[in-house]
């Protein structure tokens, strides 16, 4: 493997760095974007129970905010529990936008690597080909050496594609996961607002 990396030339080091960044982001997002961590299954019912029991205070709101991204959204609603419905909804939407931005963190970088890796591989191949043909002497090239040089130059393209394919798969997966979390969060927030305002009537 080290011989291939050495033979492929300096452009492959850019691909190695990109692959390490992509792997780190995939591991980080896999650990962070867990449904139980983002949307605790019993949290909404617990918040509604606390509201009905009249135990909402600054300490409860602060604890809820630190609980999870869903907790942060519901805490914004609890802060405006006595406000009109529109004000309460607006505060929840603002908190939801901030939470959505946090859920999408690093996804742009992963998507960029998925798009850029094949181009970086192609760049490495072009650099390799230039070096191969630039090193030929006036009497001509040995076909075996030329074929070997071209195959080595193509390592960059192959490596670039090998990085791009899993990076793209994980990018699409994480995007779909974040979108589903946001939709679910919105539905739970609406249910909370409806519960609060039905109780006021």
N, C-alpha and C. Protein backbone atom coordinates (compact mmCIF):
# COMPACT_ATOMS: atom_id res chain seq x y z
N UNK A 1 0.84 -1.21 0.00
CA UNK A 1 0.00 0.00 0.00
C UNK A 1 0.87 1.27 0.00
N UNK A 2 1.92 1.26 0.86
CA UNK A 2 2.81 2.42 0.92
C UNK A 2 3.53 2.62 -0.41
N UNK A 3 3.83 1.49 -1.09
CA UNK A 3 4.51 1.58 -2.39
C UNK A 3 3.59 2.24 -3.42
N UNK A 4 2.29 1.92 -3.36
CA UNK A 4 1.31 2.51 -4.28
C UNK A 4 1.19 4.01 -4.02
N UNK A 5 1.09 4.38 -2.73
CA UNK A 5 0.98 5.79 -2.36
C UNK A 5 2.21 6.57 -2.83
N UNK A 6 3.38 5.96 -2.62
CA UNK A 6 4.62 6.62 -3.04
C UNK A 6 4.67 6.75 -4.57
N UNK A 7 4.25 5.69 -5.26
CA UNK A 7 4.31 5.69 -6.73
C UNK A 7 3.30 6.65 -7.34
N UNK A 8 2.17 6.86 -6.66
CA UNK A 8 1.10 7.69 -7.22
C UNK A 8 1.45 9.18 -7.21
N UNK A 9 2.48 9.56 -6.46
CA UNK A 9 2.92 10.95 -6.47
C UNK A 9 2.26 11.80 -5.40
N UNK A 10 2.69 13.06 -5.33
CA UNK A 10 2.23 13.95 -4.26
C UNK A 10 0.73 14.24 -4.26
N UNK A 11 0.02 14.24 -5.43
CA UNK A 11 -1.42 14.55 -5.35
C UNK A 11 -2.22 13.58 -4.49
N UNK A 12 -1.72 12.33 -4.35
CA UNK A 12 -2.50 11.36 -3.56
C UNK A 12 -2.54 11.73 -2.08
N UNK A 13 -1.58 12.55 -1.62
CA UNK A 13 -1.60 12.98 -0.22
C UNK A 13 -2.81 13.87 0.06
N UNK A 14 -3.21 14.65 -0.93
CA UNK A 14 -4.42 15.47 -0.78
C UNK A 14 -5.65 14.57 -0.60
N UNK A 15 -5.66 13.48 -1.37
CA UNK A 15 -6.78 12.53 -1.27
C UNK A 15 -6.76 11.81 0.08
N UNK A 16 -5.58 11.48 0.57
CA UNK A 16 -5.48 10.82 1.88
C UNK A 16 -6.01 11.73 2.99
N UNK A 17 -5.66 13.02 2.92
CA UNK A 17 -6.16 13.99 3.91
C UNK A 17 -7.69 14.08 3.81
N UNK A 18 -8.21 14.17 2.57
CA UNK A 18 -9.66 14.24 2.36
C UNK A 18 -10.36 13.00 2.91
N UNK A 19 -9.73 11.83 2.70
CA UNK A 19 -10.35 10.58 3.18
C UNK A 19 -10.39 10.54 4.70
N UNK A 20 -9.33 11.04 5.36
CA UNK A 20 -9.31 11.05 6.83
C UNK A 20 -10.36 12.02 7.39
N UNK A 21 -10.50 13.18 6.74
CA UNK A 21 -11.53 14.15 7.17
C UNK A 21 -12.92 13.55 7.00
N UNK A 22 -13.15 12.93 5.84
CA UNK A 22 -14.46 12.32 5.56
C UNK A 22 -14.78 11.22 6.58
N UNK A 23 -13.79 10.38 6.89
CA UNK A 23 -14.01 9.31 7.86
C UNK A 23 -14.33 9.87 9.25
N UNK A 24 -13.60 10.91 9.65
CA UNK A 24 -13.85 11.54 10.96
C UNK A 24 -15.26 12.13 11.02
N UNK A 25 -15.68 12.78 9.93
CA UNK A 25 -17.02 13.39 9.90
C UNK A 25 -18.11 12.32 9.92
N UNK A 26 -17.89 11.23 9.20
CA UNK A 26 -18.88 10.14 9.16
C UNK A 26 -19.05 9.53 10.55
N UNK A 27 -17.94 9.29 11.24
CA UNK A 27 -18.00 8.72 12.60
C UNK A 27 -18.69 9.70 13.55
N UNK A 28 -18.31 10.99 13.48
CA UNK A 28 -18.89 11.99 14.38
C UNK A 28 -20.40 12.13 14.16
N UNK A 29 -20.82 12.22 12.91
CA UNK A 29 -22.25 12.38 12.61
C UNK A 29 -23.05 11.12 12.95
N UNK A 30 -22.44 9.94 12.76
CA UNK A 30 -23.12 8.69 13.10
C UNK A 30 -23.40 8.63 14.60
N UNK A 31 -22.42 9.06 15.40
CA UNK A 31 -22.60 9.05 16.85
C UNK A 31 -23.58 10.13 17.31
N UNK A 32 -23.54 11.29 16.64
CA UNK A 32 -24.39 12.42 17.07
C UNK A 32 -25.84 12.25 16.61
N UNK A 33 -26.03 11.85 15.37
CA UNK A 33 -27.39 11.81 14.80
C UNK A 33 -28.10 10.49 15.11
N UNK A 34 -28.30 10.26 16.40
CA UNK A 34 -29.07 9.10 16.84
C UNK A 34 -30.45 9.58 17.27
N UNK A 35 -31.48 8.87 16.84
CA UNK A 35 -32.85 9.30 17.12
C UNK A 35 -33.10 9.46 18.63
N UNK A 36 -32.59 8.53 19.42
CA UNK A 36 -32.82 8.59 20.86
C UNK A 36 -32.15 9.82 21.48
N UNK A 37 -31.11 10.31 20.84
CA UNK A 37 -30.39 11.49 21.36
C UNK A 37 -31.05 12.79 20.89
N UNK A 38 -31.55 12.80 19.66
CA UNK A 38 -32.15 14.01 19.09
C UNK A 38 -33.61 14.16 19.52
N UNK A 39 -34.35 13.04 19.47
CA UNK A 39 -35.78 13.06 19.78
C UNK A 39 -36.09 12.01 20.84
N UNK A 40 -35.77 12.27 22.11
CA UNK A 40 -36.09 11.28 23.16
C UNK A 40 -37.57 10.91 23.10
N UNK A 41 -37.89 9.62 23.06
CA UNK A 41 -39.27 9.20 22.79
C UNK A 41 -40.33 9.64 23.79
N UNK A 42 -39.96 9.80 25.05
CA UNK A 42 -40.96 10.15 26.07
C UNK A 42 -40.92 11.63 26.47
N UNK A 43 -40.03 12.41 25.84
CA UNK A 43 -39.81 13.79 26.30
C UNK A 43 -41.06 14.66 26.18
N UNK A 44 -41.75 14.59 25.03
CA UNK A 44 -42.93 15.45 24.84
C UNK A 44 -43.98 15.17 25.90
N UNK A 45 -44.27 13.89 26.16
CA UNK A 45 -45.27 13.54 27.17
C UNK A 45 -44.87 14.01 28.56
N UNK A 46 -43.57 13.95 28.87
CA UNK A 46 -43.08 14.43 30.16
C UNK A 46 -43.26 15.94 30.29
N UNK A 47 -42.97 16.67 29.21
CA UNK A 47 -43.12 18.13 29.23
C UNK A 47 -44.58 18.51 29.38
N UNK A 48 -45.46 17.81 28.69
CA UNK A 48 -46.91 18.08 28.80
C UNK A 48 -47.38 17.80 30.23
N UNK A 49 -46.87 16.71 30.82
CA UNK A 49 -47.26 16.37 32.20
C UNK A 49 -46.79 17.45 33.18
N UNK A 50 -45.57 17.91 33.01
CA UNK A 50 -45.03 18.98 33.88
C UNK A 50 -45.87 20.24 33.72
N UNK A 51 -46.26 20.56 32.48
CA UNK A 51 -47.08 21.75 32.23
C UNK A 51 -48.45 21.63 32.93
N UNK A 52 -49.08 20.46 32.79
CA UNK A 52 -50.39 20.26 33.41
C UNK A 52 -50.31 20.30 34.94
N UNK A 53 -49.17 19.88 35.48
CA UNK A 53 -48.99 19.91 36.94
C UNK A 53 -48.62 21.30 37.45
N UNK A 54 -48.40 22.25 36.54
CA UNK A 54 -48.08 23.62 36.91
C UNK A 54 -46.70 23.78 37.55
N UNK A 55 -45.76 22.90 37.15
CA UNK A 55 -44.42 22.94 37.76
C UNK A 55 -43.37 23.59 36.85
N UNK A 56 -43.81 24.43 35.94
CA UNK A 56 -42.88 25.07 35.01
C UNK A 56 -42.19 26.24 35.70
N UNK A 57 -40.87 26.17 35.82
CA UNK A 57 -40.09 27.29 36.36
C UNK A 57 -38.77 27.37 35.57
N UNK A 58 -37.95 28.34 35.92
CA UNK A 58 -36.70 28.58 35.18
C UNK A 58 -35.78 27.37 35.22
N UNK A 59 -35.77 26.66 36.34
CA UNK A 59 -34.91 25.49 36.48
C UNK A 59 -35.35 24.35 35.54
N UNK A 60 -36.66 24.15 35.45
CA UNK A 60 -37.22 23.12 34.55
C UNK A 60 -36.89 23.46 33.10
N UNK A 61 -37.06 24.73 32.72
CA UNK A 61 -36.77 25.16 31.35
C UNK A 61 -35.29 24.98 31.03
N UNK A 62 -34.43 25.34 31.96
CA UNK A 62 -32.98 25.21 31.75
C UNK A 62 -32.57 23.75 31.60
N UNK A 63 -33.13 22.88 32.43
CA UNK A 63 -32.83 21.44 32.35
C UNK A 63 -33.31 20.86 31.03
N UNK A 64 -34.51 21.27 30.62
CA UNK A 64 -35.08 20.80 29.36
C UNK A 64 -34.24 21.23 28.17
N UNK A 65 -33.74 22.45 28.22
CA UNK A 65 -32.93 22.99 27.13
C UNK A 65 -31.65 22.19 26.92
N UNK A 66 -31.08 21.69 28.02
CA UNK A 66 -29.84 20.92 27.94
C UNK A 66 -30.08 19.45 27.62
N UNK A 67 -31.33 19.03 27.64
CA UNK A 67 -31.66 17.61 27.47
C UNK A 67 -31.33 17.08 26.09
N UNK A 68 -31.77 17.81 25.05
CA UNK A 68 -31.64 17.33 23.67
C UNK A 68 -32.05 18.45 22.72
N UNK A 69 -31.82 18.29 21.41
CA UNK A 69 -32.31 19.30 20.45
C UNK A 69 -33.83 19.50 20.54
N UNK A 70 -34.59 18.41 20.70
CA UNK A 70 -36.04 18.55 20.87
C UNK A 70 -36.35 19.33 22.14
N UNK A 71 -35.60 19.04 23.20
CA UNK A 71 -35.78 19.76 24.46
C UNK A 71 -35.56 21.24 24.30
N UNK A 72 -34.58 21.63 23.47
CA UNK A 72 -34.30 23.04 23.22
C UNK A 72 -35.50 23.73 22.57
N UNK A 73 -36.12 23.02 21.62
CA UNK A 73 -37.29 23.57 20.92
C UNK A 73 -38.47 23.71 21.88
N UNK A 74 -38.72 22.67 22.67
CA UNK A 74 -39.84 22.71 23.61
C UNK A 74 -39.60 23.73 24.73
N UNK A 75 -38.33 23.91 25.12
CA UNK A 75 -38.00 24.91 26.14
C UNK A 75 -38.34 26.32 25.66
N UNK A 76 -38.14 26.57 24.37
CA UNK A 76 -38.50 27.88 23.80
C UNK A 76 -40.00 28.12 23.93
N UNK A 77 -40.79 27.05 23.76
CA UNK A 77 -42.24 27.17 23.95
C UNK A 77 -42.61 27.41 25.40
N UNK A 78 -41.93 26.72 26.32
CA UNK A 78 -42.22 26.89 27.75
C UNK A 78 -41.90 28.29 28.24
N UNK A 79 -40.86 28.90 27.64
CA UNK A 79 -40.50 30.27 28.04
C UNK A 79 -41.62 31.26 27.71
N UNK A 80 -42.39 30.92 26.68
CA UNK A 80 -43.48 31.81 26.23
C UNK A 80 -44.84 31.17 26.47
N UNK A 81 -44.93 30.44 27.58
CA UNK A 81 -46.13 29.65 27.87
C UNK A 81 -47.37 30.53 28.04
N UNK A 82 -47.18 31.77 28.51
CA UNK A 82 -48.33 32.67 28.74
C UNK A 82 -48.57 33.63 27.58
N UNK A 83 -47.72 33.53 26.56
CA UNK A 83 -47.83 34.44 25.40
C UNK A 83 -48.92 33.93 24.45
N UNK A 84 -49.38 34.80 23.54
CA UNK A 84 -50.35 34.34 22.53
C UNK A 84 -49.77 33.22 21.67
N UNK A 85 -50.66 32.49 21.04
CA UNK A 85 -50.26 31.32 20.23
C UNK A 85 -49.20 31.68 19.19
N UNK A 86 -49.39 32.79 18.48
CA UNK A 86 -48.46 33.18 17.41
C UNK A 86 -47.06 33.47 17.95
N UNK A 87 -46.99 34.12 19.10
CA UNK A 87 -45.70 34.43 19.72
C UNK A 87 -44.99 33.15 20.13
N UNK A 88 -45.77 32.24 20.70
CA UNK A 88 -45.22 30.96 21.13
C UNK A 88 -44.69 30.16 19.94
N UNK A 89 -45.47 30.14 18.88
CA UNK A 89 -45.05 29.43 17.67
C UNK A 89 -43.79 30.04 17.06
N UNK A 90 -43.74 31.36 17.06
CA UNK A 90 -42.58 32.06 16.49
C UNK A 90 -41.30 31.74 17.28
N UNK A 91 -41.41 31.72 18.60
CA UNK A 91 -40.23 31.41 19.42
C UNK A 91 -39.78 29.97 19.19
N UNK A 92 -40.73 29.05 19.01
CA UNK A 92 -40.39 27.65 18.73
C UNK A 92 -39.74 27.52 17.37
N UNK A 93 -40.25 28.27 16.39
CA UNK A 93 -39.67 28.23 15.04
C UNK A 93 -38.24 28.75 15.03
N UNK A 94 -37.98 29.81 15.79
CA UNK A 94 -36.62 30.36 15.89
C UNK A 94 -35.66 29.34 16.50
N UNK A 95 -36.11 28.69 17.58
CA UNK A 95 -35.30 27.66 18.22
C UNK A 95 -35.10 26.48 17.26
N UNK A 96 -36.14 26.17 16.49
CA UNK A 96 -36.06 25.07 15.51
C UNK A 96 -35.06 25.34 14.41
N UNK A 97 -34.99 26.61 13.96
CA UNK A 97 -34.01 26.96 12.93
C UNK A 97 -32.58 26.79 13.44
N UNK A 98 -32.35 27.22 14.68
CA UNK A 98 -31.02 27.05 15.28
C UNK A 98 -30.67 25.58 15.46
N UNK A 99 -31.65 24.80 15.87
CA UNK A 99 -31.43 23.36 16.06
C UNK A 99 -31.16 22.66 14.73
N UNK A 100 -31.91 23.05 13.70
CA UNK A 100 -31.71 22.46 12.36
C UNK A 100 -30.30 22.75 11.85
N UNK A 101 -29.83 23.97 12.11
CA UNK A 101 -28.47 24.34 11.69
C UNK A 101 -27.44 23.47 12.40
N UNK A 102 -27.67 23.19 13.67
CA UNK A 102 -26.76 22.34 14.43
C UNK A 102 -26.77 20.90 13.92
N UNK A 103 -27.96 20.40 13.56
CA UNK A 103 -28.06 19.03 13.03
C UNK A 103 -27.35 18.89 11.69
N UNK A 104 -27.34 19.98 10.91
CA UNK A 104 -26.73 19.95 9.58
C UNK A 104 -25.23 20.23 9.61
N UNK A 105 -24.67 20.45 10.80
CA UNK A 105 -23.25 20.79 10.94
C UNK A 105 -22.38 19.70 10.29
N UNK A 106 -21.37 20.12 9.57
CA UNK A 106 -20.38 19.27 8.89
C UNK A 106 -20.90 18.57 7.63
N UNK A 107 -22.21 18.61 7.38
CA UNK A 107 -22.74 17.91 6.21
C UNK A 107 -22.27 18.57 4.92
N UNK A 108 -22.14 19.89 4.92
CA UNK A 108 -21.64 20.60 3.73
C UNK A 108 -20.21 20.16 3.42
N UNK A 109 -19.39 20.01 4.46
CA UNK A 109 -18.00 19.57 4.26
C UNK A 109 -17.96 18.16 3.68
N UNK A 110 -18.79 17.28 4.21
CA UNK A 110 -18.84 15.90 3.71
C UNK A 110 -19.31 15.87 2.26
N UNK A 111 -20.32 16.67 1.93
CA UNK A 111 -20.80 16.76 0.55
C UNK A 111 -19.76 17.32 -0.39
N UNK A 112 -18.99 18.29 0.09
CA UNK A 112 -17.91 18.88 -0.72
C UNK A 112 -16.84 17.85 -1.02
N UNK A 113 -16.47 17.05 -0.02
CA UNK A 113 -15.47 15.99 -0.23
C UNK A 113 -15.99 14.97 -1.25
N UNK A 114 -17.27 14.60 -1.14
CA UNK A 114 -17.85 13.64 -2.08
C UNK A 114 -17.81 14.16 -3.51
N UNK A 115 -17.99 15.47 -3.67
CA UNK A 115 -17.98 16.08 -5.00
C UNK A 115 -16.57 16.30 -5.51
N UNK A 116 -15.69 16.70 -4.60
CA UNK A 116 -14.34 17.11 -4.98
C UNK A 116 -13.36 15.94 -5.16
N UNK A 117 -13.57 14.84 -4.44
CA UNK A 117 -12.62 13.73 -4.47
C UNK A 117 -12.35 13.19 -5.89
N UNK A 118 -13.38 12.95 -6.73
CA UNK A 118 -13.08 12.48 -8.09
C UNK A 118 -12.26 13.50 -8.89
N UNK A 119 -12.54 14.79 -8.69
CA UNK A 119 -11.78 15.83 -9.40
C UNK A 119 -10.33 15.87 -8.92
N UNK A 120 -10.14 15.68 -7.61
CA UNK A 120 -8.78 15.63 -7.08
C UNK A 120 -8.04 14.41 -7.64
N UNK A 121 -8.75 13.28 -7.74
CA UNK A 121 -8.15 12.08 -8.33
C UNK A 121 -7.77 12.29 -9.78
N UNK A 122 -8.65 12.95 -10.52
CA UNK A 122 -8.37 13.25 -11.93
C UNK A 122 -7.19 14.20 -12.06
N UNK A 123 -7.13 15.18 -11.16
CA UNK A 123 -6.00 16.10 -11.16
C UNK A 123 -4.69 15.34 -10.93
N UNK A 124 -4.69 14.41 -9.98
CA UNK A 124 -3.51 13.60 -9.71
C UNK A 124 -3.09 12.77 -10.91
N UNK A 125 -4.09 12.24 -11.62
CA UNK A 125 -3.80 11.44 -12.82
C UNK A 125 -3.19 12.31 -13.91
N UNK A 126 -3.74 13.50 -14.09
CA UNK A 126 -3.20 14.43 -15.11
C UNK A 126 -1.76 14.82 -14.77
N UNK A 127 -1.50 15.12 -13.49
CA UNK A 127 -0.14 15.46 -13.06
C UNK A 127 0.80 14.28 -13.34
N UNK A 128 0.34 13.07 -13.02
CA UNK A 128 1.15 11.88 -13.26
C UNK A 128 1.45 11.67 -14.73
N UNK A 129 0.44 11.87 -15.58
CA UNK A 129 0.62 11.70 -17.03
C UNK A 129 1.60 12.73 -17.58
N UNK A 130 1.50 13.97 -17.09
CA UNK A 130 2.42 15.01 -17.54
C UNK A 130 3.86 14.62 -17.18
N UNK A 131 4.03 14.11 -15.96
CA UNK A 131 5.37 13.70 -15.53
C UNK A 131 5.89 12.52 -16.36
N UNK A 132 5.00 11.58 -16.67
CA UNK A 132 5.40 10.41 -17.47
C UNK A 132 5.88 10.83 -18.86
N UNK A 133 5.05 11.63 -19.54
CA UNK A 133 5.40 12.02 -20.91
C UNK A 133 6.54 13.04 -20.93
N UNK A 134 6.64 13.83 -19.86
CA UNK A 134 7.75 14.79 -19.78
C UNK A 134 9.09 14.12 -19.56
N UNK A 135 9.06 12.91 -18.99
CA UNK A 135 10.31 12.21 -18.69
C UNK A 135 10.82 11.36 -19.85
N UNK A 136 10.02 11.25 -20.94
CA UNK A 136 10.45 10.43 -22.09
C UNK A 136 11.57 11.13 -22.84
N UNK A 137 12.50 10.32 -23.34
CA UNK A 137 13.60 10.91 -24.11
C UNK A 137 13.26 10.96 -25.59
N UNK A 138 14.13 11.56 -26.34
CA UNK A 138 13.86 11.80 -27.77
C UNK A 138 13.82 10.51 -28.58
N UNK A 139 14.46 9.45 -28.10
CA UNK A 139 14.50 8.20 -28.87
C UNK A 139 13.22 7.40 -28.73
N UNK A 140 12.33 7.82 -27.88
CA UNK A 140 11.05 7.11 -27.72
C UNK A 140 10.94 6.47 -26.36
N UNK A 141 9.78 5.89 -26.11
CA UNK A 141 9.49 5.33 -24.80
C UNK A 141 9.44 3.82 -24.86
N UNK A 142 9.81 3.23 -23.75
CA UNK A 142 9.65 1.79 -23.59
C UNK A 142 8.17 1.54 -23.31
N UNK A 143 7.46 0.77 -24.16
CA UNK A 143 6.01 0.57 -23.96
C UNK A 143 5.66 -0.01 -22.59
N UNK A 144 6.50 -0.91 -22.09
CA UNK A 144 6.22 -1.51 -20.78
C UNK A 144 6.31 -0.47 -19.68
N UNK A 145 7.33 0.38 -19.75
CA UNK A 145 7.49 1.45 -18.76
C UNK A 145 6.34 2.46 -18.85
N UNK A 146 5.96 2.76 -20.09
CA UNK A 146 4.86 3.72 -20.31
C UNK A 146 3.55 3.18 -19.73
N UNK A 147 3.29 1.91 -19.98
CA UNK A 147 2.06 1.29 -19.47
C UNK A 147 2.05 1.27 -17.95
N UNK A 148 3.21 0.96 -17.36
CA UNK A 148 3.32 0.95 -15.90
C UNK A 148 3.10 2.35 -15.33
N UNK A 149 3.69 3.36 -15.98
CA UNK A 149 3.54 4.74 -15.53
C UNK A 149 2.10 5.21 -15.59
N UNK A 150 1.40 4.83 -16.66
CA UNK A 150 -0.02 5.22 -16.79
C UNK A 150 -0.86 4.54 -15.72
N UNK A 151 -0.60 3.24 -15.46
CA UNK A 151 -1.38 2.54 -14.44
C UNK A 151 -1.17 3.16 -13.06
N UNK A 152 0.08 3.58 -12.78
CA UNK A 152 0.38 4.25 -11.51
C UNK A 152 -0.36 5.58 -11.43
N UNK A 153 -0.37 6.34 -12.54
CA UNK A 153 -1.07 7.64 -12.55
C UNK A 153 -2.56 7.47 -12.30
N UNK A 154 -3.12 6.35 -12.76
CA UNK A 154 -4.56 6.12 -12.60
C UNK A 154 -4.95 5.74 -11.17
N UNK A 155 -3.95 5.43 -10.33
CA UNK A 155 -4.25 5.16 -8.93
C UNK A 155 -4.98 6.34 -8.30
N UNK A 156 -4.60 7.54 -8.70
CA UNK A 156 -5.23 8.74 -8.14
C UNK A 156 -6.72 8.78 -8.45
N UNK A 157 -7.07 8.50 -9.70
CA UNK A 157 -8.49 8.50 -10.08
C UNK A 157 -9.25 7.44 -9.31
N UNK A 158 -8.67 6.24 -9.25
CA UNK A 158 -9.32 5.15 -8.52
C UNK A 158 -9.51 5.48 -7.06
N UNK A 159 -8.50 6.07 -6.44
CA UNK A 159 -8.58 6.42 -5.03
C UNK A 159 -9.61 7.53 -4.80
N UNK A 160 -9.63 8.49 -5.73
CA UNK A 160 -10.61 9.57 -5.63
C UNK A 160 -12.04 9.06 -5.68
N UNK A 161 -12.30 8.11 -6.58
CA UNK A 161 -13.64 7.50 -6.68
C UNK A 161 -13.96 6.67 -5.43
N UNK A 162 -12.94 5.97 -4.91
CA UNK A 162 -13.14 5.15 -3.71
C UNK A 162 -13.50 6.00 -2.50
N UNK A 163 -13.03 7.24 -2.46
CA UNK A 163 -13.39 8.16 -1.37
C UNK A 163 -14.77 8.75 -1.62
N UNK A 164 -15.03 9.14 -2.87
CA UNK A 164 -16.27 9.87 -3.19
C UNK A 164 -17.52 9.03 -2.99
N UNK A 165 -17.46 7.74 -3.36
CA UNK A 165 -18.68 6.91 -3.32
C UNK A 165 -19.23 6.74 -1.90
N UNK A 166 -18.44 6.28 -0.92
CA UNK A 166 -19.01 6.19 0.44
C UNK A 166 -19.34 7.55 1.04
N UNK A 167 -18.53 8.57 0.72
CA UNK A 167 -18.81 9.92 1.25
C UNK A 167 -20.17 10.41 0.76
N UNK A 168 -20.47 10.16 -0.52
CA UNK A 168 -21.75 10.58 -1.08
C UNK A 168 -22.91 9.80 -0.46
N UNK A 169 -22.72 8.50 -0.27
CA UNK A 169 -23.77 7.66 0.34
C UNK A 169 -24.09 8.16 1.75
N UNK A 170 -23.04 8.40 2.54
CA UNK A 170 -23.27 8.87 3.91
C UNK A 170 -23.83 10.29 3.94
N UNK A 171 -23.40 11.14 3.02
CA UNK A 171 -23.95 12.50 2.95
C UNK A 171 -25.45 12.46 2.70
N UNK A 172 -25.87 11.66 1.71
CA UNK A 172 -27.31 11.54 1.41
C UNK A 172 -28.07 10.94 2.59
N UNK A 173 -27.47 9.95 3.23
CA UNK A 173 -28.11 9.30 4.38
C UNK A 173 -28.31 10.30 5.51
N UNK A 174 -27.27 11.04 5.83
CA UNK A 174 -27.36 12.03 6.92
C UNK A 174 -28.34 13.15 6.60
N UNK A 175 -28.37 13.57 5.33
CA UNK A 175 -29.32 14.61 4.92
C UNK A 175 -30.75 14.14 5.13
N UNK A 176 -31.04 12.91 4.68
CA UNK A 176 -32.39 12.36 4.84
C UNK A 176 -32.74 12.21 6.32
N UNK A 177 -31.75 11.80 7.13
CA UNK A 177 -31.97 11.62 8.56
C UNK A 177 -32.29 12.96 9.23
N UNK A 178 -31.52 13.98 8.90
CA UNK A 178 -31.75 15.32 9.46
C UNK A 178 -33.12 15.85 9.05
N UNK A 179 -33.49 15.67 7.78
CA UNK A 179 -34.81 16.12 7.31
C UNK A 179 -35.93 15.44 8.08
N UNK A 180 -35.78 14.12 8.32
CA UNK A 180 -36.82 13.40 9.06
C UNK A 180 -36.89 13.86 10.52
N UNK A 181 -35.73 14.17 11.11
CA UNK A 181 -35.71 14.68 12.49
C UNK A 181 -36.42 16.03 12.57
N UNK A 182 -36.16 16.89 11.59
CA UNK A 182 -36.75 18.24 11.60
C UNK A 182 -38.27 18.16 11.46
N UNK A 183 -38.74 17.30 10.55
CA UNK A 183 -40.20 17.13 10.37
C UNK A 183 -40.83 16.60 11.66
N UNK A 184 -40.21 15.60 12.26
CA UNK A 184 -40.72 15.01 13.51
C UNK A 184 -40.73 16.05 14.63
N UNK A 185 -39.67 16.85 14.69
CA UNK A 185 -39.56 17.90 15.72
C UNK A 185 -40.68 18.93 15.55
N UNK A 186 -40.94 19.32 14.31
CA UNK A 186 -42.01 20.28 14.02
C UNK A 186 -43.36 19.74 14.46
N UNK A 187 -43.61 18.46 14.17
CA UNK A 187 -44.89 17.86 14.53
C UNK A 187 -45.08 17.81 16.04
N UNK A 188 -44.00 17.46 16.75
CA UNK A 188 -44.09 17.41 18.22
C UNK A 188 -44.27 18.81 18.81
N UNK A 189 -43.60 19.79 18.22
CA UNK A 189 -43.74 21.17 18.70
C UNK A 189 -45.17 21.68 18.49
N UNK A 190 -45.76 21.37 17.33
CA UNK A 190 -47.15 21.78 17.04
C UNK A 190 -48.11 21.11 18.03
N UNK A 191 -47.85 19.84 18.30
CA UNK A 191 -48.69 19.12 19.25
C UNK A 191 -48.62 19.76 20.64
N UNK A 192 -47.41 20.18 21.02
CA UNK A 192 -47.22 20.84 22.32
C UNK A 192 -47.98 22.17 22.38
N UNK A 193 -47.86 22.97 21.32
CA UNK A 193 -48.57 24.26 21.25
C UNK A 193 -50.07 24.05 21.33
N UNK A 194 -50.56 23.08 20.56
CA UNK A 194 -52.01 22.77 20.58
C UNK A 194 -52.47 22.35 21.97
N UNK A 195 -51.67 21.53 22.64
CA UNK A 195 -52.02 21.06 23.99
C UNK A 195 -52.12 22.23 24.97
N UNK A 196 -51.13 23.13 24.89
CA UNK A 196 -51.10 24.28 25.80
C UNK A 196 -52.31 25.17 25.57
N UNK A 197 -52.64 25.45 24.32
CA UNK A 197 -53.72 26.39 24.03
C UNK A 197 -55.10 25.76 24.18
N UNK A 198 -55.19 24.46 24.07
CA UNK A 198 -56.47 23.79 24.37
C UNK A 198 -56.72 23.83 25.88
N UNK A 199 -55.65 23.71 26.67
CA UNK A 199 -55.78 23.74 28.13
C UNK A 199 -56.20 25.13 28.63
N UNK A 200 -55.91 26.15 27.86
CA UNK A 200 -56.27 27.53 28.27
C UNK A 200 -57.76 27.80 28.11
N UNK A 201 -58.38 27.08 27.17
CA UNK A 201 -59.80 27.37 26.87
C UNK A 201 -60.72 27.00 28.03
